[in-house]
Amino acid sequence: MFAIPEQFSNATKSAFEAQFAMYSALSAKTFDSVEKLVALNLSTAKNAVAESTATARALLAVKDPQEFISLTTGKVQPAAEKALAYSREVTAIVRGTGAEFSKAAESQIVEANRKVLSLVDEVSKNAPAGSEQFVSAMKTAIGNASAGYEHMSKTAKQAAETVENNVTNAVSQFASKIPTAA
């Protein structure tokens, strides 16, 4: 007697449990990242209000145009540097979360492929005579799908690195063009 339905049932149950565990971990990571972003935004908003108040007071105390120009020019570089620091912190949080998601997806796919190949091997042991070609085709299809995923994953990582490098270069160029206080 074949135990194929039971094998599929066990494989499905195992896959569901693994996905549930992964989704729970990713949900926790997502909430952690959102919490970090909220804390960063609150801190940034508090600092911005305090600095705006101080700047407004300083501008109200200005006596001549030269002092006004000096004061406003002196605020440009620190404001731009703070904006750059903020964007770097946001990028770090998002990058960390994305890395966790990528790592979880990759491990999930590797584990699923391993289980499917194991199931195909187990089913092939009980397969009727003459089905060797079908089993071989299944294994080849799974191998090809796995290789395709790996290629797509590498390409996506390279594209993400390229975008990140371009953004970093653009930010560096922007930062180098910020006027300094005289």
N, C-alpha and C. Protein backbone atom coordinates (compact mmCIF):
# COMPACT_ATOMS: atom_id res chain seq x y z
N MET A 1 0.85 -1.19 0.00
CA MET A 1 0.00 0.00 0.00
C MET A 1 0.88 1.24 0.00
N PHE A 2 0.45 2.26 -0.72
CA PHE A 2 1.21 3.50 -0.81
C PHE A 2 0.80 4.45 0.29
N ALA A 3 1.80 5.17 0.84
CA ALA A 3 1.55 6.16 1.89
C ALA A 3 1.69 7.56 1.32
N ILE A 4 1.46 7.69 0.02
CA ILE A 4 1.68 8.99 -0.63
C ILE A 4 0.77 10.07 -0.07
N PRO A 5 -0.54 9.85 0.11
CA PRO A 5 -1.37 10.92 0.68
C PRO A 5 -0.89 11.36 2.07
N GLU A 6 -0.45 10.39 2.86
CA GLU A 6 0.05 10.73 4.20
C GLU A 6 1.35 11.54 4.10
N GLN A 7 2.20 11.17 3.14
CA GLN A 7 3.45 11.91 2.95
C GLN A 7 3.17 13.35 2.53
N PHE A 8 2.23 13.53 1.60
CA PHE A 8 1.87 14.89 1.18
C PHE A 8 1.24 15.67 2.33
N SER A 9 0.43 14.99 3.11
CA SER A 9 -0.21 15.65 4.26
C SER A 9 0.84 16.11 5.26
N ASN A 10 1.80 15.24 5.57
CA ASN A 10 2.87 15.61 6.51
C ASN A 10 3.73 16.74 5.95
N ALA A 11 4.02 16.68 4.67
CA ALA A 11 4.83 17.73 4.04
C ALA A 11 4.10 19.07 4.07
N THR A 12 2.80 19.03 3.79
CA THR A 12 1.99 20.26 3.82
C THR A 12 1.93 20.83 5.23
N LYS A 13 1.73 19.97 6.21
CA LYS A 13 1.67 20.43 7.61
C LYS A 13 3.01 21.04 8.02
N SER A 14 4.09 20.38 7.67
CA SER A 14 5.42 20.88 8.00
C SER A 14 5.68 22.23 7.34
N ALA A 15 5.29 22.35 6.08
CA ALA A 15 5.49 23.62 5.36
C ALA A 15 4.67 24.73 5.99
N PHE A 16 3.43 24.42 6.38
CA PHE A 16 2.58 25.42 7.01
C PHE A 16 3.17 25.89 8.33
N GLU A 17 3.66 24.94 9.13
CA GLU A 17 4.27 25.30 10.42
C GLU A 17 5.51 26.16 10.23
N ALA A 18 6.32 25.84 9.24
CA ALA A 18 7.53 26.62 8.96
C ALA A 18 7.17 28.02 8.50
N GLN A 19 6.16 28.14 7.65
CA GLN A 19 5.73 29.47 7.19
C GLN A 19 5.16 30.29 8.33
N PHE A 20 4.39 29.67 9.20
CA PHE A 20 3.83 30.39 10.33
C PHE A 20 4.94 30.91 11.23
N ALA A 21 5.95 30.08 11.49
CA ALA A 21 7.08 30.52 12.31
C ALA A 21 7.82 31.67 11.63
N MET A 22 8.01 31.56 10.31
CA MET A 22 8.71 32.62 9.58
C MET A 22 7.90 33.92 9.63
N TYR A 23 6.59 33.83 9.39
CA TYR A 23 5.77 35.04 9.40
C TYR A 23 5.74 35.68 10.78
N SER A 24 5.75 34.87 11.82
CA SER A 24 5.79 35.42 13.18
C SER A 24 7.09 36.18 13.42
N ALA A 25 8.19 35.59 13.00
CA ALA A 25 9.50 36.25 13.18
C ALA A 25 9.58 37.52 12.35
N LEU A 26 9.07 37.48 11.12
CA LEU A 26 9.12 38.67 10.27
C LEU A 26 8.18 39.76 10.79
N SER A 27 7.06 39.36 11.35
CA SER A 27 6.15 40.36 11.93
C SER A 27 6.82 41.07 13.10
N ALA A 28 7.51 40.30 13.93
CA ALA A 28 8.23 40.90 15.07
C ALA A 28 9.30 41.86 14.56
N LYS A 29 10.03 41.46 13.51
CA LYS A 29 11.08 42.33 12.94
C LYS A 29 10.47 43.59 12.34
N THR A 30 9.32 43.45 11.69
CA THR A 30 8.65 44.60 11.10
C THR A 30 8.23 45.58 12.18
N PHE A 31 7.62 45.08 13.25
CA PHE A 31 7.20 45.96 14.34
C PHE A 31 8.40 46.63 15.00
N ASP A 32 9.50 45.90 15.13
CA ASP A 32 10.71 46.48 15.69
C ASP A 32 11.22 47.62 14.81
N SER A 33 11.19 47.42 13.50
CA SER A 33 11.64 48.46 12.57
C SER A 33 10.71 49.66 12.60
N VAL A 34 9.42 49.42 12.65
CA VAL A 34 8.46 50.52 12.74
C VAL A 34 8.68 51.31 14.03
N GLU A 35 8.94 50.59 15.10
CA GLU A 35 9.20 51.25 16.38
C GLU A 35 10.45 52.14 16.29
N LYS A 36 11.49 51.63 15.63
CA LYS A 36 12.71 52.43 15.45
C LYS A 36 12.44 53.67 14.60
N LEU A 37 11.66 53.50 13.53
CA LEU A 37 11.33 54.64 12.66
C LEU A 37 10.51 55.68 13.40
N VAL A 38 9.55 55.24 14.21
CA VAL A 38 8.73 56.18 14.98
C VAL A 38 9.61 56.93 15.98
N ALA A 39 10.49 56.22 16.67
CA ALA A 39 11.39 56.88 17.63
C ALA A 39 12.29 57.89 16.92
N LEU A 40 12.82 57.50 15.77
CA LEU A 40 13.67 58.41 15.00
C LEU A 40 12.89 59.65 14.57
N ASN A 41 11.67 59.44 14.06
CA ASN A 41 10.86 60.57 13.62
C ASN A 41 10.47 61.49 14.77
N LEU A 42 10.13 60.93 15.93
CA LEU A 42 9.80 61.77 17.09
C LEU A 42 11.01 62.58 17.53
N SER A 43 12.15 61.95 17.59
CA SER A 43 13.37 62.65 17.99
C SER A 43 13.70 63.76 16.99
N THR A 44 13.57 63.44 15.71
CA THR A 44 13.86 64.42 14.66
C THR A 44 12.88 65.60 14.74
N ALA A 45 11.62 65.30 14.96
CA ALA A 45 10.61 66.36 15.06
C ALA A 45 10.87 67.26 16.27
N LYS A 46 11.19 66.66 17.42
CA LYS A 46 11.49 67.45 18.62
C LYS A 46 12.68 68.37 18.38
N ASN A 47 13.73 67.81 17.79
CA ASN A 47 14.92 68.62 17.51
C ASN A 47 14.62 69.72 16.50
N ALA A 48 13.81 69.42 15.49
CA ALA A 48 13.47 70.41 14.48
C ALA A 48 12.68 71.56 15.08
N VAL A 49 11.74 71.25 15.96
CA VAL A 49 10.96 72.31 16.61
C VAL A 49 11.87 73.17 17.49
N ALA A 50 12.73 72.55 18.24
CA ALA A 50 13.65 73.31 19.11
C ALA A 50 14.57 74.19 18.28
N GLU A 51 15.12 73.65 17.20
CA GLU A 51 16.02 74.43 16.36
C GLU A 51 15.29 75.54 15.62
N SER A 52 14.07 75.28 15.18
CA SER A 52 13.28 76.31 14.50
C SER A 52 12.97 77.47 15.44
N THR A 53 12.65 77.14 16.68
CA THR A 53 12.37 78.17 17.67
C THR A 53 13.62 79.02 17.93
N ALA A 54 14.75 78.36 18.08
CA ALA A 54 16.00 79.09 18.32
C ALA A 54 16.36 79.94 17.11
N THR A 55 16.16 79.42 15.91
CA THR A 55 16.47 80.18 14.70
C THR A 55 15.54 81.39 14.56
N ALA A 56 14.26 81.18 14.83
CA ALA A 56 13.31 82.29 14.76
C ALA A 56 13.69 83.39 15.74
N ARG A 57 14.07 83.01 16.95
CA ARG A 57 14.49 84.01 17.95
C ARG A 57 15.73 84.75 17.47
N ALA A 58 16.67 83.99 16.91
CA ALA A 58 17.91 84.62 16.42
C ALA A 58 17.61 85.57 15.26
N LEU A 59 16.70 85.17 14.37
CA LEU A 59 16.36 86.03 13.23
C LEU A 59 15.64 87.30 13.69
N LEU A 60 14.84 87.19 14.75
CA LEU A 60 14.14 88.37 15.28
C LEU A 60 15.11 89.37 15.92
N ALA A 61 16.24 88.85 16.34
CA ALA A 61 17.23 89.71 16.99
C ALA A 61 18.23 90.32 16.01
N VAL A 62 18.12 90.00 14.73
CA VAL A 62 19.03 90.50 13.71
C VAL A 62 18.89 92.02 13.59
N LYS A 63 20.04 92.69 13.47
CA LYS A 63 20.05 94.14 13.39
C LYS A 63 20.35 94.66 11.99
N ASP A 64 21.09 93.90 11.17
CA ASP A 64 21.44 94.39 9.83
C ASP A 64 21.43 93.24 8.82
N PRO A 65 21.40 93.57 7.53
CA PRO A 65 21.34 92.54 6.49
C PRO A 65 22.53 91.59 6.49
N GLN A 66 23.71 92.08 6.80
CA GLN A 66 24.89 91.23 6.83
C GLN A 66 24.75 90.14 7.90
N GLU A 67 24.23 90.51 9.05
CA GLU A 67 24.02 89.55 10.13
C GLU A 67 22.96 88.52 9.72
N PHE A 68 21.92 88.98 9.00
CA PHE A 68 20.86 88.09 8.52
C PHE A 68 21.44 87.05 7.56
N ILE A 69 22.24 87.50 6.60
CA ILE A 69 22.85 86.60 5.62
C ILE A 69 23.78 85.62 6.32
N SER A 70 24.56 86.11 7.24
CA SER A 70 25.49 85.25 7.96
C SER A 70 24.73 84.18 8.77
N LEU A 71 23.65 84.58 9.41
CA LEU A 71 22.87 83.65 10.21
C LEU A 71 22.20 82.58 9.34
N THR A 72 21.57 83.01 8.26
CA THR A 72 20.88 82.04 7.40
C THR A 72 21.86 81.12 6.69
N THR A 73 22.98 81.66 6.24
CA THR A 73 23.99 80.83 5.58
C THR A 73 24.57 79.82 6.56
N GLY A 74 24.75 80.24 7.78
CA GLY A 74 25.30 79.35 8.81
C GLY A 74 24.37 78.21 9.17
N LYS A 75 23.09 78.32 8.86
CA LYS A 75 22.11 77.27 9.18
C LYS A 75 21.97 76.23 8.06
N VAL A 76 22.41 76.57 6.85
CA VAL A 76 22.21 75.68 5.71
C VAL A 76 22.98 74.37 5.87
N GLN A 77 24.28 74.45 6.12
CA GLN A 77 25.09 73.24 6.21
C GLN A 77 24.65 72.33 7.35
N PRO A 78 24.46 72.83 8.58
CA PRO A 78 24.01 71.93 9.64
C PRO A 78 22.66 71.28 9.33
N ALA A 79 21.75 72.02 8.70
CA ALA A 79 20.45 71.45 8.35
C ALA A 79 20.60 70.35 7.31
N ALA A 80 21.44 70.57 6.33
CA ALA A 80 21.66 69.56 5.29
C ALA A 80 22.34 68.33 5.88
N GLU A 81 23.29 68.54 6.76
CA GLU A 81 23.98 67.42 7.39
C GLU A 81 23.02 66.61 8.25
N LYS A 82 22.11 67.27 8.93
CA LYS A 82 21.11 66.56 9.73
C LYS A 82 20.16 65.79 8.84
N ALA A 83 19.78 66.36 7.72
CA ALA A 83 18.91 65.65 6.77
C ALA A 83 19.62 64.42 6.22
N LEU A 84 20.89 64.54 5.92
CA LEU A 84 21.66 63.40 5.44
C LEU A 84 21.78 62.32 6.51
N ALA A 85 22.04 62.73 7.75
CA ALA A 85 22.14 61.77 8.85
C ALA A 85 20.80 61.05 9.05
N TYR A 86 19.72 61.80 8.97
CA TYR A 86 18.38 61.21 9.10
C TYR A 86 18.16 60.18 7.99
N SER A 87 18.47 60.54 6.76
CA SER A 87 18.25 59.61 5.64
C SER A 87 19.13 58.37 5.78
N ARG A 88 20.32 58.54 6.31
CA ARG A 88 21.19 57.37 6.52
C ARG A 88 20.62 56.45 7.59
N GLU A 89 20.07 57.03 8.65
CA GLU A 89 19.46 56.20 9.70
C GLU A 89 18.24 55.46 9.18
N VAL A 90 17.40 56.14 8.41
CA VAL A 90 16.24 55.49 7.82
C VAL A 90 16.69 54.36 6.90
N THR A 91 17.69 54.64 6.09
CA THR A 91 18.22 53.64 5.17
C THR A 91 18.75 52.43 5.92
N ALA A 92 19.45 52.66 7.02
CA ALA A 92 19.99 51.55 7.82
C ALA A 92 18.88 50.69 8.39
N ILE A 93 17.82 51.32 8.88
CA ILE A 93 16.69 50.56 9.43
C ILE A 93 16.02 49.74 8.33
N VAL A 94 15.76 50.39 7.20
CA VAL A 94 15.09 49.70 6.09
C VAL A 94 15.98 48.58 5.54
N ARG A 95 17.27 48.85 5.41
CA ARG A 95 18.20 47.84 4.90
C ARG A 95 18.24 46.63 5.83
N GLY A 96 18.27 46.88 7.14
CA GLY A 96 18.29 45.77 8.10
C GLY A 96 17.03 44.92 8.01
N THR A 97 15.90 45.58 7.86
CA THR A 97 14.64 44.85 7.73
C THR A 97 14.61 44.06 6.42
N GLY A 98 15.03 44.70 5.36
CA GLY A 98 15.07 44.01 4.06
C GLY A 98 15.99 42.80 4.09
N ALA A 99 17.12 42.93 4.77
CA ALA A 99 18.06 41.81 4.87
C ALA A 99 17.42 40.64 5.61
N GLU A 100 16.68 40.95 6.68
CA GLU A 100 15.99 39.90 7.43
C GLU A 100 14.96 39.19 6.55
N PHE A 101 14.21 39.98 5.78
CA PHE A 101 13.20 39.39 4.90
C PHE A 101 13.86 38.53 3.83
N SER A 102 14.95 39.01 3.24
CA SER A 102 15.65 38.24 2.21
C SER A 102 16.21 36.95 2.77
N LYS A 103 16.81 37.05 3.95
CA LYS A 103 17.38 35.86 4.57
C LYS A 103 16.29 34.83 4.87
N ALA A 104 15.16 35.30 5.37
CA ALA A 104 14.05 34.38 5.68
C ALA A 104 13.51 33.74 4.41
N ALA A 105 13.37 34.54 3.36
CA ALA A 105 12.85 33.99 2.10
C ALA A 105 13.81 32.97 1.51
N GLU A 106 15.08 33.28 1.54
CA GLU A 106 16.07 32.35 1.00
C GLU A 106 16.08 31.04 1.77
N SER A 107 16.07 31.13 3.10
CA SER A 107 16.08 29.89 3.89
C SER A 107 14.80 29.10 3.68
N GLN A 108 13.69 29.81 3.52
CA GLN A 108 12.41 29.14 3.28
C GLN A 108 12.44 28.41 1.93
N ILE A 109 12.98 29.03 0.93
CA ILE A 109 13.03 28.41 -0.39
C ILE A 109 13.98 27.22 -0.39
N VAL A 110 15.12 27.36 0.25
CA VAL A 110 16.07 26.25 0.33
C VAL A 110 15.43 25.07 1.06
N GLU A 111 14.76 25.35 2.17
CA GLU A 111 14.12 24.28 2.93
C GLU A 111 12.98 23.65 2.15
N ALA A 112 12.19 24.46 1.45
CA ALA A 112 11.09 23.91 0.64
C ALA A 112 11.63 23.02 -0.47
N ASN A 113 12.70 23.47 -1.13
CA ASN A 113 13.31 22.64 -2.18
C ASN A 113 13.82 21.32 -1.62
N ARG A 114 14.45 21.40 -0.45
CA ARG A 114 14.96 20.18 0.18
C ARG A 114 13.81 19.22 0.49
N LYS A 115 12.71 19.75 1.01
CA LYS A 115 11.57 18.90 1.36
C LYS A 115 10.90 18.32 0.12
N VAL A 116 10.78 19.12 -0.92
CA VAL A 116 10.17 18.62 -2.16
C VAL A 116 11.03 17.52 -2.76
N LEU A 117 12.34 17.73 -2.80
CA LEU A 117 13.22 16.69 -3.33
C LEU A 117 13.16 15.42 -2.48
N SER A 118 13.10 15.59 -1.19
CA SER A 118 12.98 14.45 -0.29
C SER A 118 11.67 13.72 -0.53
N LEU A 119 10.59 14.47 -0.70
CA LEU A 119 9.29 13.87 -0.97
C LEU A 119 9.29 13.15 -2.31
N VAL A 120 9.88 13.76 -3.32
CA VAL A 120 9.96 13.11 -4.64
C VAL A 120 10.78 11.82 -4.54
N ASP A 121 11.88 11.86 -3.79
CA ASP A 121 12.67 10.64 -3.59
C ASP A 121 11.86 9.56 -2.90
N GLU A 122 11.14 9.95 -1.88
CA GLU A 122 10.33 8.99 -1.12
C GLU A 122 9.21 8.41 -1.98
N VAL A 123 8.54 9.26 -2.73
CA VAL A 123 7.46 8.80 -3.60
C VAL A 123 8.02 7.91 -4.71
N SER A 124 9.21 8.27 -5.21
CA SER A 124 9.79 7.48 -6.31
C SER A 124 10.14 6.07 -5.86
N LYS A 125 10.40 5.88 -4.58
CA LYS A 125 10.69 4.53 -4.08
C LYS A 125 9.47 3.63 -4.23
N ASN A 126 8.28 4.21 -4.11
CA ASN A 126 7.05 3.44 -4.20
C ASN A 126 6.37 3.58 -5.57
N ALA A 127 7.03 4.25 -6.48
CA ALA A 127 6.44 4.50 -7.80
C ALA A 127 6.42 3.21 -8.61
N PRO A 128 5.42 3.09 -9.46
CA PRO A 128 5.35 1.89 -10.30
C PRO A 128 6.48 1.86 -11.32
N ALA A 129 6.76 0.70 -11.80
CA ALA A 129 7.82 0.53 -12.79
C ALA A 129 7.52 1.36 -14.03
N GLY A 130 8.56 1.93 -14.62
CA GLY A 130 8.40 2.73 -15.83
C GLY A 130 8.20 4.21 -15.56
N SER A 131 8.16 4.61 -14.29
CA SER A 131 7.95 6.03 -13.98
C SER A 131 9.26 6.76 -13.68
N GLU A 132 10.37 6.10 -13.96
CA GLU A 132 11.68 6.70 -13.68
C GLU A 132 11.89 8.01 -14.43
N GLN A 133 11.43 8.06 -15.67
CA GLN A 133 11.59 9.28 -16.46
C GLN A 133 10.79 10.43 -15.86
N PHE A 134 9.60 10.14 -15.39
CA PHE A 134 8.77 11.18 -14.76
C PHE A 134 9.46 11.72 -13.50
N VAL A 135 9.98 10.81 -12.68
CA VAL A 135 10.67 11.21 -11.46
C VAL A 135 11.90 12.03 -11.81
N SER A 136 12.65 11.60 -12.81
CA SER A 136 13.83 12.34 -13.25
C SER A 136 13.44 13.74 -13.76
N ALA A 137 12.35 13.81 -14.51
CA ALA A 137 11.88 15.11 -15.01
C ALA A 137 11.47 16.02 -13.85
N MET A 138 10.83 15.46 -12.84
CA MET A 138 10.44 16.26 -11.66
C MET A 138 11.68 16.83 -10.97
N LYS A 139 12.68 15.97 -10.78
CA LYS A 139 13.91 16.43 -10.12
C LYS A 139 14.60 17.51 -10.95
N THR A 140 14.62 17.33 -12.25
CA THR A 140 15.23 18.33 -13.14
C THR A 140 14.47 19.64 -13.07
N ALA A 141 13.15 19.58 -13.07
CA ALA A 141 12.33 20.79 -13.00
C ALA A 141 12.57 21.53 -11.68
N ILE A 142 12.66 20.78 -10.60
CA ILE A 142 12.91 21.40 -9.29
C ILE A 142 14.30 22.02 -9.28
N GLY A 143 15.28 21.32 -9.84
CA GLY A 143 16.65 21.85 -9.92
C GLY A 143 16.71 23.12 -10.76
N ASN A 144 16.01 23.11 -11.88
CA ASN A 144 15.98 24.30 -12.75
C ASN A 144 15.30 25.47 -12.07
N ALA A 145 14.20 25.21 -11.37
CA ALA A 145 13.51 26.28 -10.65
C ALA A 145 14.41 26.85 -9.57
N SER A 146 15.13 25.99 -8.89
CA SER A 146 16.04 26.43 -7.84
C SER A 146 17.17 27.28 -8.42
N ALA A 147 17.73 26.83 -9.53
CA ALA A 147 18.81 27.59 -10.18
C ALA A 147 18.28 28.93 -10.68
N GLY A 148 17.07 28.94 -11.21
CA GLY A 148 16.46 30.20 -11.66
C GLY A 148 16.26 31.16 -10.51
N TYR A 149 15.81 30.66 -9.37
CA TYR A 149 15.63 31.53 -8.20
C TYR A 149 16.98 32.10 -7.75
N GLU A 150 18.01 31.24 -7.72
CA GLU A 150 19.33 31.72 -7.30
C GLU A 150 19.84 32.81 -8.23
N HIS A 151 19.65 32.64 -9.53
CA HIS A 151 20.09 33.65 -10.50
C HIS A 151 19.30 34.95 -10.30
N MET A 152 17.99 34.83 -10.13
CA MET A 152 17.15 36.01 -9.91
C MET A 152 17.55 36.72 -8.61
N SER A 153 17.82 35.93 -7.59
CA SER A 153 18.21 36.51 -6.30
C SER A 153 19.53 37.26 -6.42
N LYS A 154 20.51 36.68 -7.12
CA LYS A 154 21.80 37.35 -7.32
C LYS A 154 21.62 38.65 -8.10
N THR A 155 20.81 38.60 -9.13
CA THR A 155 20.56 39.78 -9.95
C THR A 155 19.88 40.87 -9.14
N ALA A 156 18.91 40.49 -8.33
CA ALA A 156 18.22 41.48 -7.48
C ALA A 156 19.18 42.09 -6.47
N LYS A 157 20.05 41.27 -5.89
CA LYS A 157 21.03 41.80 -4.93
C LYS A 157 21.99 42.77 -5.61
N GLN A 158 22.44 42.42 -6.81
CA GLN A 158 23.34 43.31 -7.55
C GLN A 158 22.65 44.62 -7.88
N ALA A 159 21.39 44.55 -8.28
CA ALA A 159 20.63 45.77 -8.60
C ALA A 159 20.46 46.63 -7.35
N ALA A 160 20.15 46.00 -6.22
CA ALA A 160 19.99 46.75 -4.98
C ALA A 160 21.30 47.41 -4.57
N GLU A 161 22.41 46.69 -4.72
CA GLU A 161 23.72 47.27 -4.39
C GLU A 161 24.05 48.44 -5.31
N THR A 162 23.72 48.31 -6.58
CA THR A 162 23.97 49.39 -7.53
C THR A 162 23.16 50.63 -7.16
N VAL A 163 21.89 50.44 -6.85
CA VAL A 163 21.04 51.57 -6.46
C VAL A 163 21.58 52.20 -5.18
N GLU A 164 21.95 51.36 -4.22
CA GLU A 164 22.48 51.89 -2.96
C GLU A 164 23.77 52.68 -3.19
N ASN A 165 24.64 52.16 -4.03
CA ASN A 165 25.89 52.88 -4.34
C ASN A 165 25.60 54.20 -5.05
N ASN A 166 24.65 54.20 -5.97
CA ASN A 166 24.29 55.44 -6.67
C ASN A 166 23.72 56.46 -5.71
N VAL A 167 22.87 56.03 -4.80
CA VAL A 167 22.29 56.95 -3.81
C VAL A 167 23.39 57.48 -2.91
N THR A 168 24.29 56.61 -2.47
CA THR A 168 25.39 57.04 -1.61
C THR A 168 26.26 58.07 -2.32
N ASN A 169 26.56 57.82 -3.59
CA ASN A 169 27.36 58.78 -4.37
C ASN A 169 26.63 60.11 -4.54
N ALA A 170 25.33 60.06 -4.80
CA ALA A 170 24.55 61.28 -4.96
C ALA A 170 24.52 62.08 -3.66
N VAL A 171 24.35 61.38 -2.54
CA VAL A 171 24.34 62.05 -1.24
C VAL A 171 25.70 62.67 -0.96
N SER A 172 26.76 61.94 -1.27
CA SER A 172 28.11 62.48 -1.06
C SER A 172 28.36 63.71 -1.91
N GLN A 173 27.93 63.67 -3.16
CA GLN A 173 28.10 64.84 -4.03
C GLN A 173 27.28 66.01 -3.52
N PHE A 174 26.06 65.75 -3.07
CA PHE A 174 25.22 66.81 -2.52
C PHE A 174 25.89 67.42 -1.28
N ALA A 175 26.39 66.56 -0.41
CA ALA A 175 27.03 67.04 0.82
C ALA A 175 28.26 67.86 0.53
N SER A 176 28.99 67.52 -0.52
CA SER A 176 30.21 68.27 -0.85
C SER A 176 29.89 69.65 -1.43
N LYS A 177 28.68 69.82 -1.92
CA LYS A 177 28.30 71.10 -2.55
C LYS A 177 27.58 72.04 -1.58
N ILE A 178 27.38 71.60 -0.34
CA ILE A 178 26.70 72.44 0.64
C ILE A 178 27.64 73.59 1.01
N PRO A 179 27.11 74.80 0.95
CA PRO A 179 27.96 75.95 1.31
C PRO A 179 28.28 75.94 2.81
N THR A 180 29.45 76.36 3.13
CA THR A 180 29.85 76.46 4.53
C THR A 180 29.70 77.90 4.98
N ALA A 181 29.56 78.03 6.30
CA ALA A 181 29.42 79.37 6.87
C ALA A 181 30.72 80.15 6.71
N ALA A 182 30.59 81.42 6.38
CA ALA A 182 31.77 82.24 6.16
C ALA A 182 32.32 82.77 7.46
